[in-house]
Amino acid sequence: MSSDRTDGLLAQHNLLLNIIETDWATRLDHKVAAVIIQRYYPRYGNARASLRFIAEATRADRSNVKTSIRRLVDRGAFAVLREGKGTRPTEFTLNFAFSPSGGVTTPSTSGGAVTPSCEGAATPSSEPSGGVTTPETYIQLPADRTGILVCRTFEDAPMAPPDSALYGPAGAVPSSGGFEEFWSVWPRKHKLAKAKAAYKAIAPDADLHATIAEAARAWATHYASNNVEKKWVPEPASWLANERWLEDLPLIHGDAKGAAIAKAKANAPAKPKAAATFKVDATCKIEAAELEMDGNDQVIVVTFAPEGGNSFDRRIVLESPDPKRQAEGQGEFSRLCEAINVDEPKDAEDLMGFSLHIWGGNKGLAYNRLPPAWLTDRSAQAA
């Protein structure tokens, strides 16, 4: 397979076909690969998708998705460029030189596609230093949370980072100057500290900063020309965290509130019929928490693990065009934070690891703070 292919739609299509033609890829591998390839951004040279997004798109269990991703990385179809954390999705590089017969194709010295490879441990090349070597030496770094292998390869010759690199210290714009330009443009000035943190997490280089600033100006002009009330303008932190500078300008409706509610209902996934009434009255541990968009609503998905029971997710609305939904969701989130004694968490991960008592059912949950250890011990002795 030619190593000088572009990363356009044809190259993406051929990469998926080559994965399907292998004798090791499972049906889930095909689905996972399709989702990752669909999330590829040629401008930045990588694909971005969180584990939760891939699991929901393929309707597969998270553990099975992890195994599938690891297999695709091990075989050299993809490599993990940057592990996801909090609201930031995992970044993948796509190996457009992937071959179904050999797994990895040796890149030429003409500056063609980089071939990320994770296929087993290889013997270091014995070529003298200074010569051109084939990419036979690999470093495999275990990911800190998901267990996916992060792979780095040694190429024929050192390659400078692309000008459109999304992350990295090289050419990074100082957060003070870059963010101040964005903040001066964005029409809704709300939660400054949170917006600064979201911008810092992106760590844009000069090119990406220019893209963000240009998109922010376009959105601001679009809202101003349509006389949109500021309450319907996305919060700056949410706009940055969800990479909305990559999206088209939003549609403006005369009845913004009604249109937003109708769109949220139309985009909401169909609720599966419950086989039995859900009830819980147990001590639960928060094992995962992640922010995501549900239509026009920003929600936090909290995964609880009851003692001796199966884990379950609770979706709590944090921001919504519907004032009632937002008030109810923020009230429940406040009760949850109070129960685990966490005041104003700065990130979804700040909730993880805490235990609390939960009781309720399909109509709602209540969160109670656990009694102190000395009181629990005294009750046990009295019993």
Protein backbone atom coordinates (compact mmCIF):
# COMPACT_ATOMS: atom_id res chain seq x y z
CA MET A 1 0.00 0.00 0.00
CA SER A 2 1.38 3.38 -0.92
CA SER A 3 2.81 5.41 1.95
CA ASP A 4 2.18 8.75 0.25
CA ARG A 5 -1.63 8.59 0.39
CA THR A 6 -3.43 11.65 1.77
CA ASP A 7 -5.69 11.60 4.79
CA GLY A 8 -8.83 12.47 2.83
CA LEU A 9 -12.11 10.57 2.68
CA LEU A 10 -10.72 7.96 0.30
CA ALA A 11 -7.78 7.25 2.60
CA GLN A 12 -10.14 6.97 5.59
CA HIS A 13 -12.41 4.63 3.63
CA ASN A 14 -9.47 2.44 2.60
CA LEU A 15 -8.16 2.27 6.17
CA LEU A 16 -11.52 0.96 7.39
CA LEU A 17 -11.67 -1.58 4.53
CA ASN A 18 -8.15 -2.79 5.35
CA ILE A 19 -9.12 -3.31 8.99
CA ILE A 20 -12.22 -5.25 7.95
CA GLU A 21 -10.14 -7.44 5.60
CA THR A 22 -7.84 -8.65 8.40
CA ASP A 23 -8.30 -12.09 9.87
CA TRP A 24 -8.05 -10.86 13.46
CA ALA A 25 -10.49 -7.94 13.65
CA THR A 26 -13.82 -8.72 15.30
CA ARG A 27 -17.17 -7.21 14.41
CA LEU A 28 -16.83 -4.84 17.37
CA ASP A 29 -13.35 -3.86 16.09
CA HIS A 30 -15.00 -2.83 12.82
CA LYS A 31 -17.52 -0.64 14.65
CA VAL A 32 -14.93 0.93 16.95
CA ALA A 33 -12.62 1.65 14.02
CA ALA A 34 -15.48 3.25 12.08
CA VAL A 35 -16.31 5.57 15.01
CA ILE A 36 -12.67 6.63 15.47
CA ILE A 37 -12.17 7.23 11.74
CA GLN A 38 -15.42 9.23 11.58
CA ARG A 39 -14.05 11.52 14.32
CA TYR A 40 -10.84 12.26 12.34
CA TYR A 41 -9.96 15.94 11.83
CA PRO A 42 -7.56 16.43 8.87
CA ARG A 43 -6.76 19.96 10.04
CA TYR A 44 -5.20 18.62 13.25
CA GLY A 45 -4.08 15.25 11.95
CA ASN A 46 -5.83 13.20 14.64
CA ALA A 47 -9.14 11.70 15.70
CA ARG A 48 -10.76 12.53 19.01
CA ALA A 49 -13.32 10.38 20.83
CA SER A 50 -13.89 9.55 24.50
CA LEU A 51 -14.35 6.00 25.75
CA ARG A 52 -17.93 6.81 26.74
CA PHE A 53 -18.68 8.23 23.27
CA ILE A 54 -17.34 5.10 21.52
CA ALA A 55 -19.23 2.80 23.90
CA GLU A 56 -22.52 4.64 23.30
CA ALA A 57 -21.96 4.80 19.53
CA THR A 58 -21.26 1.06 19.28
CA ARG A 59 -23.74 0.09 22.02
CA ALA A 60 -21.04 -2.07 23.59
CA ASP A 61 -19.77 -2.58 27.11
CA ARG A 62 -16.89 -0.30 28.11
CA SER A 63 -14.57 -3.18 28.98
CA ASN A 64 -15.15 -4.72 25.55
CA VAL A 65 -14.51 -1.36 23.88
CA LYS A 66 -11.22 -1.03 25.81
CA THR A 67 -10.17 -4.48 24.59
CA SER A 68 -11.11 -3.61 21.02
CA ILE A 69 -9.17 -0.32 21.08
CA ARG A 70 -6.14 -2.06 22.57
CA ARG A 71 -6.26 -4.70 19.80
CA LEU A 72 -6.49 -2.06 17.04
CA VAL A 73 -3.56 -0.18 18.58
CA ASP A 74 -1.50 -3.36 19.05
CA ARG A 75 -2.02 -4.29 15.40
CA GLY A 76 -0.89 -0.86 14.20
CA ALA A 77 -4.16 0.55 12.78
CA PHE A 78 -4.15 3.41 15.30
CA ALA A 79 -1.96 4.86 18.03
CA VAL A 80 -2.99 6.81 21.11
CA LEU A 81 -1.50 10.28 20.79
CA ARG A 82 -2.91 11.66 24.02
CA GLU A 83 -4.95 9.89 26.68
CA GLY A 84 -8.32 11.42 27.52
CA LYS A 85 -8.95 12.94 30.93
CA GLY A 86 -11.96 14.68 32.44
CA THR A 87 -13.86 16.41 29.63
CA ARG A 88 -10.98 15.97 27.12
CA PRO A 89 -11.43 13.02 24.70
CA THR A 90 -8.65 10.61 23.76
CA GLU A 91 -6.67 11.58 20.65
CA PHE A 92 -5.77 8.92 18.09
CA THR A 93 -3.40 9.01 15.13
CA LEU A 94 -4.57 7.02 12.10
CA ASN A 95 -2.13 4.79 10.22
CA PHE A 96 -3.15 5.31 6.60
CA ALA A 97 -0.28 2.99 5.57
CA PHE A 98 -1.87 0.08 7.45
CA SER A 99 -1.85 -3.21 5.52
CA PRO A 100 -4.27 -6.07 6.30
CA SER A 101 -1.63 -8.67 5.42
CA GLY A 102 1.37 -7.30 7.25
CA GLY A 103 -0.22 -5.02 9.82
CA VAL A 104 2.34 -2.24 9.45
CA THR A 105 3.86 -0.86 6.27
CA THR A 106 7.37 0.58 6.43
CA PRO A 107 7.17 4.31 5.63
CA SER A 108 9.34 5.72 2.88
CA THR A 109 11.84 8.52 3.41
CA SER A 110 9.83 10.92 1.24
CA GLY A 111 7.86 12.28 4.18
CA GLY A 112 4.76 10.15 3.69
CA ALA A 113 2.32 8.91 6.27
CA VAL A 114 3.66 8.09 9.71
CA THR A 115 3.08 4.48 10.68
CA PRO A 116 2.17 4.10 14.38
CA SER A 117 2.89 0.53 15.46
CA CYS A 118 2.22 -1.34 18.67
CA GLU A 119 2.55 -4.91 17.43
CA GLY A 120 4.52 -6.71 20.07
CA ALA A 121 8.05 -6.12 21.33
CA ALA A 122 10.65 -5.85 18.59
CA THR A 123 14.42 -6.18 18.57
CA PRO A 124 16.20 -2.82 18.32
CA SER A 125 17.84 -2.19 14.97
CA SER A 126 21.60 -2.79 14.77
CA GLU A 127 22.18 -0.10 12.13
CA PRO A 128 25.02 2.29 12.98
CA SER A 129 23.96 5.58 14.55
CA GLY A 130 23.37 8.32 12.03
CA GLY A 131 22.04 5.99 9.32
CA VAL A 132 18.45 5.64 8.20
CA THR A 133 16.68 2.82 9.99
CA THR A 134 13.35 1.10 9.61
CA PRO A 135 10.80 1.63 12.40
CA GLU A 136 11.51 -1.63 14.22
CA THR A 137 11.99 -0.20 17.68
CA TYR A 138 8.93 0.60 19.76
CA ILE A 139 8.26 2.08 23.17
CA GLN A 140 5.02 0.94 24.75
CA LEU A 141 3.70 3.12 27.54
CA PRO A 142 0.71 1.86 29.58
CA ALA A 143 -2.08 4.41 29.82
CA ASP A 144 -2.67 5.62 33.35
CA ARG A 145 -6.37 4.84 33.52
CA THR A 146 -7.90 2.86 30.68
CA GLY A 147 -5.11 0.37 30.06
CA ILE A 148 -4.77 1.36 26.40
CA LEU A 149 -1.22 1.22 25.07
CA VAL A 150 0.20 4.59 24.11
CA CYS A 151 2.67 4.01 21.30
CA ARG A 152 5.54 6.02 19.93
CA THR A 153 7.60 5.06 16.92
CA PHE A 154 11.05 5.98 15.68
CA GLU A 155 10.75 7.17 12.07
CA ASP A 156 13.26 7.15 9.21
CA ALA A 157 14.40 10.64 10.10
CA PRO A 158 13.38 13.17 12.76
CA MET A 159 10.23 15.00 11.76
CA ALA A 160 9.29 18.45 13.02
CA PRO A 161 5.83 18.80 14.59
CA PRO A 162 3.21 19.92 12.06
CA ASP A 163 2.32 23.60 12.07
CA SER A 164 -1.26 22.73 12.93
CA ALA A 165 -0.33 20.68 16.00
CA LEU A 166 -3.19 20.87 18.47
CA TYR A 167 -1.20 20.43 21.66
CA GLY A 168 2.35 20.76 22.92
CA PRO A 169 4.68 23.41 24.32
CA ALA A 170 6.23 24.27 20.94
CA GLY A 171 4.72 27.50 19.63
CA ALA A 172 2.15 27.62 22.42
CA VAL A 173 0.37 30.90 22.95
CA PRO A 174 0.68 32.26 26.52
CA SER A 175 -2.64 31.69 28.25
CA SER A 176 -2.85 35.32 29.35
CA GLY A 177 -2.66 36.93 25.90
CA GLY A 178 -4.52 34.20 23.98
CA PHE A 179 -7.38 33.87 26.44
CA GLU A 180 -7.80 37.63 26.86
CA GLU A 181 -8.41 37.98 23.13
CA PHE A 182 -11.07 35.26 23.22
CA TRP A 183 -12.69 36.72 26.35
CA SER A 184 -12.88 40.21 24.82
CA VAL A 185 -14.72 38.78 21.80
CA TRP A 186 -17.16 36.35 23.42
CA PRO A 187 -20.53 38.08 24.05
CA ARG A 188 -21.40 36.32 27.32
CA LYS A 189 -19.03 37.16 30.18
CA HIS A 190 -19.75 34.43 32.73
CA LYS A 191 -17.60 32.24 35.03
CA LEU A 192 -14.24 33.76 34.16
CA ALA A 193 -12.13 31.31 36.19
CA LYS A 194 -13.87 28.30 34.66
CA ALA A 195 -13.39 29.70 31.16
CA LYS A 196 -9.68 30.31 31.82
CA ALA A 197 -9.28 26.72 33.01
CA ALA A 198 -11.02 25.38 29.88
CA TYR A 199 -8.76 27.47 27.64
CA LYS A 200 -5.65 26.37 29.55
CA ALA A 201 -6.67 22.71 29.16
CA ILE A 202 -6.77 23.15 25.37
CA ALA A 203 -3.25 24.71 25.39
CA PRO A 204 -3.63 26.05 21.83
CA ASP A 205 -0.66 26.86 19.64
CA ALA A 206 -0.64 29.98 17.48
CA ASP A 207 -2.68 28.41 14.65
CA LEU A 208 -5.34 26.94 16.89
CA HIS A 209 -5.61 30.17 18.89
CA ALA A 210 -6.23 32.07 15.66
CA THR A 211 -8.91 29.52 14.69
CA ILE A 212 -10.64 29.83 18.08
CA ALA A 213 -10.54 33.63 18.01
CA GLU A 214 -11.86 33.75 14.43
CA ALA A 215 -14.72 31.37 15.27
CA ALA A 216 -15.56 33.32 18.44
CA ARG A 217 -15.84 36.54 16.42
CA ALA A 218 -18.07 34.83 13.86
CA TRP A 219 -20.36 33.45 16.59
CA ALA A 220 -20.50 36.82 18.36
CA THR A 221 -21.40 38.63 15.11
CA HIS A 222 -24.01 35.96 14.33
CA TYR A 223 -25.68 36.36 17.73
CA ALA A 224 -25.56 40.18 17.56
CA SER A 225 -27.05 40.37 14.06
CA ASN A 226 -29.95 38.15 15.17
CA ASN A 227 -30.54 40.01 18.48
CA VAL A 228 -30.09 36.85 20.54
CA GLU A 229 -30.45 37.33 24.30
CA LYS A 230 -27.24 36.63 26.23
CA LYS A 231 -28.91 33.89 28.27
CA TRP A 232 -29.12 31.81 25.06
CA VAL A 233 -25.44 32.28 24.27
CA PRO A 234 -23.36 29.27 25.44
CA GLU A 235 -21.16 29.82 28.47
CA PRO A 236 -17.57 30.44 27.34
CA ALA A 237 -16.18 27.52 29.33
CA SER A 238 -18.74 25.13 27.84
CA TRP A 239 -18.10 26.44 24.32
CA LEU A 240 -14.34 25.87 24.69
CA ALA A 241 -14.56 22.51 26.46
CA ASN A 242 -16.85 21.09 23.76
CA GLU A 243 -14.63 22.39 20.90
CA ARG A 244 -17.57 24.21 19.34
CA TRP A 245 -15.26 26.35 17.22
CA LEU A 246 -15.27 23.33 14.88
CA GLU A 247 -19.06 23.52 14.43
CA ASP A 248 -21.19 25.49 11.99
CA LEU A 249 -22.88 28.67 13.21
CA PRO A 250 -25.99 27.77 15.25
CA LEU A 251 -29.47 28.15 13.79
CA ILE A 252 -31.43 31.08 15.22
CA HIS A 253 -35.14 30.61 15.91
CA GLY A 254 -37.75 33.23 16.73
CA ASP A 255 -38.81 31.20 19.75
CA ALA A 256 -35.35 30.24 20.99
CA LYS A 257 -36.61 28.61 24.18
CA GLY A 258 -39.28 26.52 22.46
CA ALA A 259 -36.91 25.51 19.66
CA ALA A 260 -34.20 24.49 22.13
CA ILE A 261 -36.61 22.36 24.15
CA ALA A 262 -38.06 20.74 21.01
CA LYS A 263 -34.57 19.99 19.70
CA ALA A 264 -33.50 18.48 23.02
CA LYS A 265 -36.56 16.22 23.03
CA ALA A 266 -36.02 15.22 19.40
CA ASN A 267 -32.35 14.38 19.98
CA ALA A 268 -32.91 12.58 23.25
CA PRO A 269 -32.24 8.83 22.96
CA ALA A 270 -35.22 6.55 23.29
CA LYS A 271 -35.60 5.37 26.85
CA PRO A 272 -35.48 1.58 27.10
CA LYS A 273 -38.36 -0.08 28.86
CA ALA A 274 -37.35 -1.02 32.36
CA ALA A 275 -37.59 -4.73 33.02
CA ALA A 276 -38.27 -4.01 36.71
CA THR A 277 -38.67 -1.05 39.02
CA PHE A 278 -35.31 0.40 39.95
CA LYS A 279 -34.70 0.79 43.67
CA VAL A 280 -31.58 1.43 45.66
CA ASP A 281 -30.93 1.83 49.38
CA ALA A 282 -27.24 1.21 49.97
CA THR A 283 -23.81 2.67 50.46
CA CYS A 284 -22.42 3.52 47.03
CA LYS A 285 -19.01 4.58 45.78
CA ILE A 286 -18.59 7.05 42.91
CA GLU A 287 -16.38 5.18 40.45
CA ALA A 288 -16.66 7.52 37.43
CA ALA A 289 -17.89 11.00 36.52
CA GLU A 290 -17.88 12.67 33.10
CA LEU A 291 -19.31 15.83 31.55
CA GLU A 292 -21.05 15.60 28.18
CA MET A 293 -23.68 17.30 26.02
CA ASP A 294 -27.17 15.80 25.74
CA GLY A 295 -28.82 17.81 22.98
CA ASN A 296 -28.64 21.39 24.28
CA ASP A 297 -28.22 20.25 27.88
CA GLN A 298 -24.88 19.94 29.63
CA VAL A 299 -25.05 16.94 31.96
CA ILE A 300 -22.71 15.16 34.32
CA VAL A 301 -22.92 11.37 34.16
CA VAL A 302 -22.06 9.88 37.56
CA THR A 303 -21.46 6.13 37.84
CA PHE A 304 -22.31 4.68 41.26
CA ALA A 305 -21.15 1.26 42.48
CA PRO A 306 -23.35 -0.08 45.33
CA GLU A 307 -21.88 -2.53 47.80
CA GLY A 308 -22.70 -6.00 46.49
CA GLY A 309 -24.70 -4.66 43.52
CA ASN A 310 -24.36 -3.65 39.89
CA SER A 311 -23.08 -0.21 38.91
CA PHE A 312 -25.54 2.30 37.48
CA ASP A 313 -25.35 5.76 35.89
CA ARG A 314 -27.13 8.89 37.05
CA ARG A 315 -27.42 11.76 34.54
CA ILE A 316 -27.70 15.15 36.27
CA VAL A 317 -28.48 18.27 34.22
CA LEU A 318 -26.15 21.19 34.98
CA GLU A 319 -27.14 23.65 32.23
CA SER A 320 -30.26 23.65 30.06
CA PRO A 321 -32.35 26.06 27.97
CA ASP A 322 -35.27 24.82 30.07
CA PRO A 323 -35.06 26.76 33.39
CA LYS A 324 -37.03 24.10 35.27
CA ARG A 325 -34.73 21.26 34.14
CA GLN A 326 -31.67 23.34 35.01
CA ALA A 327 -33.00 24.24 38.47
CA GLU A 328 -33.88 20.61 39.28
CA GLY A 329 -30.53 19.32 38.03
CA GLN A 330 -28.45 21.92 39.85
CA GLY A 331 -30.42 21.25 43.03
CA GLU A 332 -29.67 17.51 42.83
CA PHE A 333 -26.00 18.18 42.06
CA SER A 334 -25.76 20.46 45.12
CA ARG A 335 -27.24 17.71 47.33
CA LEU A 336 -24.74 15.21 45.91
CA CYS A 337 -21.77 17.53 46.60
CA GLU A 338 -23.06 18.21 50.11
CA ALA A 339 -23.37 14.49 50.82
CA ILE A 340 -19.72 13.84 49.95
CA ASN A 341 -18.59 17.12 51.54
CA VAL A 342 -17.11 18.54 48.32
CA ASP A 343 -17.65 22.27 47.87
CA GLU A 344 -17.67 23.56 44.28
CA PRO A 345 -15.79 20.80 42.41
CA LYS A 346 -13.58 22.20 39.65
CA ASP A 347 -13.59 19.03 37.55
CA ALA A 348 -15.75 15.94 37.18
CA GLU A 349 -12.88 13.85 38.55
CA ASP A 350 -13.13 15.70 41.89
CA LEU A 351 -16.20 13.56 42.67
CA MET A 352 -14.56 10.18 42.07
CA GLY A 353 -13.71 7.81 44.92
CA PHE A 354 -16.19 9.18 47.49
CA SER A 355 -18.77 6.99 49.25
CA LEU A 356 -22.24 8.01 50.37
CA HIS A 357 -25.63 6.55 51.18
CA ILE A 358 -28.16 6.63 48.32
CA TRP A 359 -31.83 5.71 48.45
CA GLY A 360 -34.74 6.10 46.06
CA GLY A 361 -35.94 4.73 42.75
CA ASN A 362 -37.12 5.63 39.29
CA LYS A 363 -38.71 8.91 40.37
CA GLY A 364 -35.59 10.28 42.04
CA LEU A 365 -32.62 9.70 44.32
CA ALA A 366 -31.66 11.11 47.69
CA TYR A 367 -28.06 11.44 48.86
CA ASN A 368 -27.10 11.22 52.53
CA ARG A 369 -23.71 11.82 54.08
CA LEU A 370 -22.25 8.74 55.79
CA PRO A 371 -21.97 8.92 59.60
CA PRO A 372 -18.46 9.37 61.05
CA ALA A 373 -16.40 6.25 61.67
CA TRP A 374 -16.62 6.47 65.46
CA LEU A 375 -20.44 6.50 65.34
CA THR A 376 -20.51 3.51 62.99
CA ASP A 377 -18.17 1.54 65.26
CA ARG A 378 -20.31 2.36 68.33
CA SER A 379 -23.49 1.19 66.59
CA ALA A 380 -21.80 -2.07 65.60
CA GLN A 381 -20.67 -2.71 69.19
CA ALA A 382 -24.16 -1.99 70.54
CA ALA A 383 -25.62 -4.51 68.11
